[in-house]
Amino acid sequence: MDKNYRGLMHRGFVGELKSTIKSVTSLEEFLDGPAIEKNSVIVALDSISDQQNLGAMIRSCYFFGASLMVCEIRNSAPIDHMTHRCSAGASLRQPLHWANKLSDALQVLKEKNFTIVGAVTERHPKAQPYQQLKLQTKTVLIVGNEENGLRPHVLRFCDHLTTIKRKTNFDSLNVSVSLGILLAHLNK
């Protein structure tokens, strides 16, 4: 088995996935469908390049009932064996839309009256602590990669910017941990 699956952690077992990713091809049709409710949360990922983070984020989205995840095709980690493993199988259940351009998807969401919230570091002058977010509407939560955060053209779509205040001088949390905290708050 080691010879045939070199480099993969197999623990003596190999399987073939029969399920496929729940891919949403038409964002507009999905948004007009039964999966969207008054307080639906959609998570948009801006340039998440690590498969393990992507897998953990898919797992959190599924756990907290996010209606959809939106990723940009060219600026996102691929969904591969590592992503499936880190998602604990949620990658086969969580609806996911692969956008050609994240900005185009955000424009559609704006037109469908979603409130767009961007997660930023507390250094951003317009960031408010996440505990102050009191949203009673359809919401898009955007998180960016750990190194650069949200890209400037993505920030322009945000109605609110939120942050997780730190208690020490440590710079930041892992992006998947931050997403879990923010989703738990929005899920109240």
C-alpha atoms as a PDB file:
ATOM      1  CA  MET A   1       0.000   0.000   0.000  1.00  0.00           C
ATOM      2  CA  ASP A   2       2.857   2.383   0.791  1.00  0.00           C
ATOM      3  CA  LYS A   3       4.224   1.781  -2.711  1.00  0.00           C
ATOM      4  CA  ASN A   4       0.900   2.504  -4.460  1.00  0.00           C
ATOM      5  CA  TYR A   5      -0.086   5.502  -2.308  1.00  0.00           C
ATOM      6  CA  ARG A   6       3.283   7.117  -1.753  1.00  0.00           C
ATOM      7  CA  GLY A   7       3.093  10.286   0.297  1.00  0.00           C
ATOM      8  CA  LEU A   8      -0.511   9.793   1.406  1.00  0.00           C
ATOM      9  CA  MET A   9      -1.418   8.919   4.970  1.00  0.00           C
ATOM     10  CA  HIS A  10      -3.566   5.841   4.431  1.00  0.00           C
ATOM     11  CA  ARG A  11      -3.390   4.067   7.810  1.00  0.00           C
ATOM     12  CA  GLY A  12      -3.872   0.785   5.997  1.00  0.00           C
ATOM     13  CA  PHE A  13      -7.167   1.754   4.341  1.00  0.00           C
ATOM     14  CA  VAL A  14      -7.983   3.160   0.926  1.00  0.00           C
ATOM     15  CA  GLY A  15     -11.440   4.052  -0.288  1.00  0.00           C
ATOM     16  CA  GLU A  16     -13.138   5.571  -3.269  1.00  0.00           C
ATOM     17  CA  LEU A  17     -15.568   8.436  -2.787  1.00  0.00           C
ATOM     18  CA  LYS A  18     -18.936   7.710  -4.362  1.00  0.00           C
ATOM     19  CA  SER A  19     -20.385  11.099  -3.434  1.00  0.00           C
ATOM     20  CA  THR A  20     -19.473  14.324  -5.118  1.00  0.00           C
ATOM     21  CA  ILE A  21     -19.175  17.883  -3.950  1.00  0.00           C
ATOM     22  CA  LYS A  22     -22.512  19.715  -3.706  1.00  0.00           C
ATOM     23  CA  SER A  23     -21.587  22.216  -6.363  1.00  0.00           C
ATOM     24  CA  VAL A  24     -23.944  25.116  -7.052  1.00  0.00           C
ATOM     25  CA  THR A  25     -23.537  26.169 -10.671  1.00  0.00           C
ATOM     26  CA  SER A  26     -26.059  29.012 -10.806  1.00  0.00           C
ATOM     27  CA  LEU A  27     -25.725  31.405  -7.893  1.00  0.00           C
ATOM     28  CA  GLU A  28     -28.856  33.333  -8.933  1.00  0.00           C
ATOM     29  CA  GLU A  29     -31.037  30.215  -9.040  1.00  0.00           C
ATOM     30  CA  PHE A  30     -29.730  29.042  -5.669  1.00  0.00           C
ATOM     31  CA  LEU A  31     -30.449  32.425  -4.078  1.00  0.00           C
ATOM     32  CA  ASP A  32     -34.020  32.357  -5.384  1.00  0.00           C
ATOM     33  CA  GLY A  33     -34.544  28.784  -4.163  1.00  0.00           C
ATOM     34  CA  PRO A  34     -35.816  27.227  -0.931  1.00  0.00           C
ATOM     35  CA  ALA A  35     -32.382  27.034   0.751  1.00  0.00           C
ATOM     36  CA  ILE A  36     -32.355  30.799   1.375  1.00  0.00           C
ATOM     37  CA  GLU A  37     -34.323  32.041   4.364  1.00  0.00           C
ATOM     38  CA  LYS A  38     -34.729  35.371   6.155  1.00  0.00           C
ATOM     39  CA  ASN A  39     -31.582  34.953   8.289  1.00  0.00           C
ATOM     40  CA  SER A  40     -29.466  32.805   5.959  1.00  0.00           C
ATOM     41  CA  VAL A  41     -25.685  33.058   6.208  1.00  0.00           C
ATOM     42  CA  ILE A  42     -23.428  32.636   3.204  1.00  0.00           C
ATOM     43  CA  VAL A  43     -19.664  32.443   3.666  1.00  0.00           C
ATOM     44  CA  ALA A  44     -17.368  33.881   0.993  1.00  0.00           C
ATOM     45  CA  LEU A  45     -13.685  32.981   1.022  1.00  0.00           C
ATOM     46  CA  ASP A  46     -11.176  35.444  -0.382  1.00  0.00           C
ATOM     47  CA  SER A  47      -7.938  33.762  -1.456  1.00  0.00           C
ATOM     48  CA  ILE A  48      -7.837  30.871   1.013  1.00  0.00           C
ATOM     49  CA  SER A  49      -4.921  28.896  -0.383  1.00  0.00           C
ATOM     50  CA  ASP A  50      -4.360  26.158   2.214  1.00  0.00           C
ATOM     51  CA  GLN A  51      -6.312  22.912   1.753  1.00  0.00           C
ATOM     52  CA  GLN A  52      -6.353  22.180   5.483  1.00  0.00           C
ATOM     53  CA  ASN A  53      -7.810  25.593   6.284  1.00  0.00           C
ATOM     54  CA  LEU A  54     -10.352  25.186   3.500  1.00  0.00           C
ATOM     55  CA  GLY A  55     -11.372  21.783   4.864  1.00  0.00           C
ATOM     56  CA  ALA A  56     -11.723  23.098   8.413  1.00  0.00           C
ATOM     57  CA  MET A  57     -13.761  26.067   7.137  1.00  0.00           C
ATOM     58  CA  ILE A  58     -16.099  23.806   5.171  1.00  0.00           C
ATOM     59  CA  ARG A  59     -16.569  21.746   8.328  1.00  0.00           C
ATOM     60  CA  SER A  60     -17.460  24.862  10.374  1.00  0.00           C
ATOM     61  CA  CYS A  61     -19.845  26.111   7.689  1.00  0.00           C
ATOM     62  CA  TYR A  62     -21.675  22.813   7.594  1.00  0.00           C
ATOM     63  CA  PHE A  63     -21.732  22.540  11.401  1.00  0.00           C
ATOM     64  CA  PHE A  64     -23.248  26.010  11.811  1.00  0.00           C
ATOM     65  CA  GLY A  65     -25.680  25.642   8.915  1.00  0.00           C
ATOM     66  CA  ALA A  66     -24.266  28.123   6.404  1.00  0.00           C
ATOM     67  CA  SER A  67     -26.539  28.039   3.364  1.00  0.00           C
ATOM     68  CA  LEU A  68     -23.649  28.273   0.912  1.00  0.00           C
ATOM     69  CA  MET A  69     -19.919  28.824   0.573  1.00  0.00           C
ATOM     70  CA  VAL A  70     -18.550  30.936  -2.281  1.00  0.00           C
ATOM     71  CA  CYS A  71     -14.951  30.567  -3.478  1.00  0.00           C
ATOM     72  CA  GLU A  72     -13.143  32.119  -6.398  1.00  0.00           C
ATOM     73  CA  ILE A  73     -11.873  29.504  -8.831  1.00  0.00           C
ATOM     74  CA  ARG A  74      -8.369  30.825  -9.396  1.00  0.00           C
ATOM     75  CA  ASN A  75      -7.591  32.177  -5.905  1.00  0.00           C
ATOM     76  CA  SER A  76      -8.659  29.227  -3.801  1.00  0.00           C
ATOM     77  CA  ALA A  77      -7.143  26.007  -2.594  1.00  0.00           C
ATOM     78  CA  PRO A  78      -8.386  22.981  -4.497  1.00  0.00           C
ATOM     79  CA  ILE A  79     -10.688  20.491  -2.892  1.00  0.00           C
ATOM     80  CA  ASP A  80      -8.557  17.379  -2.710  1.00  0.00           C
ATOM     81  CA  HIS A  81      -7.964  14.428  -0.364  1.00  0.00           C
ATOM     82  CA  MET A  82      -6.530  16.748   2.305  1.00  0.00           C
ATOM     83  CA  THR A  83      -9.542  19.063   2.151  1.00  0.00           C
ATOM     84  CA  HIS A  84     -11.945  16.129   2.400  1.00  0.00           C
ATOM     85  CA  ARG A  85     -10.027  14.743   5.349  1.00  0.00           C
ATOM     86  CA  CYS A  86      -9.895  18.066   7.241  1.00  0.00           C
ATOM     87  CA  SER A  87     -13.591  18.670   6.610  1.00  0.00           C
ATOM     88  CA  ALA A  88     -14.448  15.298   8.196  1.00  0.00           C
ATOM     89  CA  GLY A  89     -16.753  14.620   5.246  1.00  0.00           C
ATOM     90  CA  ALA A  90     -18.556  17.967   5.330  1.00  0.00           C
ATOM     91  CA  SER A  91     -17.016  18.779   1.934  1.00  0.00           C
ATOM     92  CA  LEU A  92     -19.475  16.278   0.447  1.00  0.00           C
ATOM     93  CA  ARG A  93     -22.465  17.926   2.149  1.00  0.00           C
ATOM     94  CA  GLN A  94     -21.836  21.691   2.210  1.00  0.00           C
ATOM     95  CA  PRO A  95     -23.177  23.527  -0.876  1.00  0.00           C
ATOM     96  CA  LEU A  96     -20.343  25.341  -2.636  1.00  0.00           C
ATOM     97  CA  HIS A  97     -20.322  27.844  -5.493  1.00  0.00           C
ATOM     98  CA  TRP A  98     -17.131  28.339  -7.501  1.00  0.00           C
ATOM     99  CA  ALA A  99     -17.216  31.897  -8.859  1.00  0.00           C
ATOM    100  CA  ASN A 100     -15.101  33.026 -11.784  1.00  0.00           C
ATOM    101  CA  LYS A 101     -14.622  36.290  -9.885  1.00  0.00           C
ATOM    102  CA  LEU A 102     -15.522  36.747  -6.233  1.00  0.00           C
ATOM    103  CA  SER A 103     -16.461  40.372  -6.923  1.00  0.00           C
ATOM    104  CA  ASP A 104     -19.118  39.258  -9.446  1.00  0.00           C
ATOM    105  CA  ALA A 105     -20.645  36.882  -6.887  1.00  0.00           C
ATOM    106  CA  LEU A 106     -20.632  39.624  -4.236  1.00  0.00           C
ATOM    107  CA  GLN A 107     -22.391  41.969  -6.659  1.00  0.00           C
ATOM    108  CA  VAL A 108     -25.151  39.392  -7.178  1.00  0.00           C
ATOM    109  CA  LEU A 109     -25.474  38.923  -3.402  1.00  0.00           C
ATOM    110  CA  LYS A 110     -25.715  42.714  -2.932  1.00  0.00           C
ATOM    111  CA  GLU A 111     -28.467  42.857  -5.545  1.00  0.00           C
ATOM    112  CA  LYS A 112     -30.316  40.103  -3.644  1.00  0.00           C
ATOM    113  CA  ASN A 113     -30.262  42.309  -0.499  1.00  0.00           C
ATOM    114  CA  PHE A 114     -27.669  40.437   1.513  1.00  0.00           C
ATOM    115  CA  THR A 115     -25.787  42.396   4.170  1.00  0.00           C
ATOM    116  CA  ILE A 116     -22.071  41.857   3.582  1.00  0.00           C
ATOM    117  CA  VAL A 117     -19.735  41.628   6.570  1.00  0.00           C
ATOM    118  CA  GLY A 118     -15.965  41.477   6.147  1.00  0.00           C
ATOM    119  CA  ALA A 119     -13.691  39.988   8.795  1.00  0.00           C
ATOM    120  CA  VAL A 120     -10.580  42.134   9.297  1.00  0.00           C
ATOM    121  CA  THR A 121      -7.853  42.606  11.895  1.00  0.00           C
ATOM    122  CA  GLU A 122      -8.502  45.001  14.736  1.00  0.00           C
ATOM    123  CA  ARG A 123      -5.961  47.376  13.201  1.00  0.00           C
ATOM    124  CA  HIS A 124      -8.521  48.326  10.547  1.00  0.00           C
ATOM    125  CA  PRO A 125      -9.954  51.748  11.510  1.00  0.00           C
ATOM    126  CA  LYS A 126     -13.574  50.797  10.697  1.00  0.00           C
ATOM    127  CA  ALA A 127     -13.576  47.392  12.404  1.00  0.00           C
ATOM    128  CA  GLN A 128     -16.093  46.810  15.166  1.00  0.00           C
ATOM    129  CA  PRO A 129     -15.915  43.908  17.628  1.00  0.00           C
ATOM    130  CA  TYR A 130     -17.966  40.958  16.387  1.00  0.00           C
ATOM    131  CA  GLN A 131     -20.082  41.017  19.568  1.00  0.00           C
ATOM    132  CA  GLN A 132     -21.552  44.322  18.345  1.00  0.00           C
ATOM    133  CA  LEU A 133     -22.911  42.710  15.172  1.00  0.00           C
ATOM    134  CA  LYS A 134     -26.683  42.492  15.539  1.00  0.00           C
ATOM    135  CA  LEU A 135     -27.892  41.329  12.163  1.00  0.00           C
ATOM    136  CA  GLN A 136     -31.456  40.228  11.497  1.00  0.00           C
ATOM    137  CA  THR A 137     -31.077  39.812   7.766  1.00  0.00           C
ATOM    138  CA  LYS A 138     -29.559  37.609   5.098  1.00  0.00           C
ATOM    139  CA  THR A 139     -25.808  37.892   5.630  1.00  0.00           C
ATOM    140  CA  VAL A 140     -22.626  37.208   3.709  1.00  0.00           C
ATOM    141  CA  LEU A 141     -19.542  36.762   5.883  1.00  0.00           C
ATOM    142  CA  ILE A 142     -16.268  37.221   3.991  1.00  0.00           C
ATOM    143  CA  VAL A 143     -12.937  36.043   5.368  1.00  0.00           C
ATOM    144  CA  GLY A 144      -9.574  36.502   3.678  1.00  0.00           C
ATOM    145  CA  ASN A 145      -6.281  34.696   3.839  1.00  0.00           C
ATOM    146  CA  GLU A 146      -4.080  34.993   6.905  1.00  0.00           C
ATOM    147  CA  GLU A 147      -1.258  36.826   5.208  1.00  0.00           C
ATOM    148  CA  ASN A 148      -3.094  39.579   3.316  1.00  0.00           C
ATOM    149  CA  GLY A 149      -6.669  39.531   4.611  1.00  0.00           C
ATOM    150  CA  LEU A 150      -9.395  40.816   2.305  1.00  0.00           C
ATOM    151  CA  ARG A 151      -8.316  42.288  -0.997  1.00  0.00           C
ATOM    152  CA  PRO A 152      -9.185  46.005  -1.497  1.00  0.00           C
ATOM    153  CA  HIS A 153     -11.740  45.384  -4.246  1.00  0.00           C
ATOM    154  CA  VAL A 154     -13.504  42.861  -1.969  1.00  0.00           C
ATOM    155  CA  LEU A 155     -13.523  45.295   0.973  1.00  0.00           C
ATOM    156  CA  ARG A 156     -15.531  47.765  -1.123  1.00  0.00           C
ATOM    157  CA  PHE A 157     -18.546  45.431  -1.033  1.00  0.00           C
ATOM    158  CA  CYS A 158     -18.665  45.297   2.783  1.00  0.00           C
ATOM    159  CA  ASP A 159     -21.498  46.985   4.666  1.00  0.00           C
ATOM    160  CA  HIS A 160     -19.795  46.205   7.990  1.00  0.00           C
ATOM    161  CA  LEU A 161     -16.283  45.252   9.047  1.00  0.00           C
ATOM    162  CA  THR A 162     -15.820  43.118  12.115  1.00  0.00           C
ATOM    163  CA  THR A 163     -12.934  41.812  14.159  1.00  0.00           C
ATOM    164  CA  ILE A 164     -12.118  39.494  17.039  1.00  0.00           C
ATOM    165  CA  LYS A 165     -10.359  41.488  19.758  1.00  0.00           C
ATOM    166  CA  ARG A 166      -7.243  39.874  21.123  1.00  0.00           C
ATOM    167  CA  LYS A 167      -6.206  39.717  24.775  1.00  0.00           C
ATOM    168  CA  THR A 168      -2.450  39.457  24.101  1.00  0.00           C
ATOM    169  CA  ASN A 169       0.033  40.885  21.631  1.00  0.00           C
ATOM    170  CA  PHE A 170      -0.200  37.749  19.473  1.00  0.00           C
ATOM    171  CA  ASP A 171      -0.959  38.876  15.934  1.00  0.00           C
ATOM    172  CA  SER A 172      -3.876  36.737  14.755  1.00  0.00           C
ATOM    173  CA  LEU A 173      -5.914  33.561  14.901  1.00  0.00           C
ATOM    174  CA  ASN A 174      -5.943  30.885  12.255  1.00  0.00           C
ATOM    175  CA  VAL A 175      -8.525  31.915   9.653  1.00  0.00           C
ATOM    176  CA  SER A 176     -10.584  28.748  10.144  1.00  0.00           C
ATOM    177  CA  VAL A 177     -10.750  29.373  13.907  1.00  0.00           C
ATOM    178  CA  SER A 178     -11.818  32.974  13.287  1.00  0.00           C
ATOM    179  CA  LEU A 179     -14.533  31.809  10.929  1.00  0.00           C
ATOM    180  CA  GLY A 180     -15.835  29.349  13.527  1.00  0.00           C
ATOM    181  CA  ILE A 181     -16.057  32.072  16.179  1.00  0.00           C
ATOM    182  CA  LEU A 182     -17.880  34.448  13.828  1.00  0.00           C
ATOM    183  CA  LEU A 183     -20.295  31.768  12.618  1.00  0.00           C
ATOM    184  CA  ALA A 184     -21.093  30.790  16.205  1.00  0.00           C
ATOM    185  CA  HIS A 185     -21.953  34.430  16.929  1.00  0.00           C
ATOM    186  CA  LEU A 186     -24.124  34.780  13.816  1.00  0.00           C
ATOM    187  CA  ASN A 187     -25.827  31.494  14.709  1.00  0.00           C
ATOM    188  CA  LYS A 188     -27.210  32.817  18.013  1.00  0.00           C
END
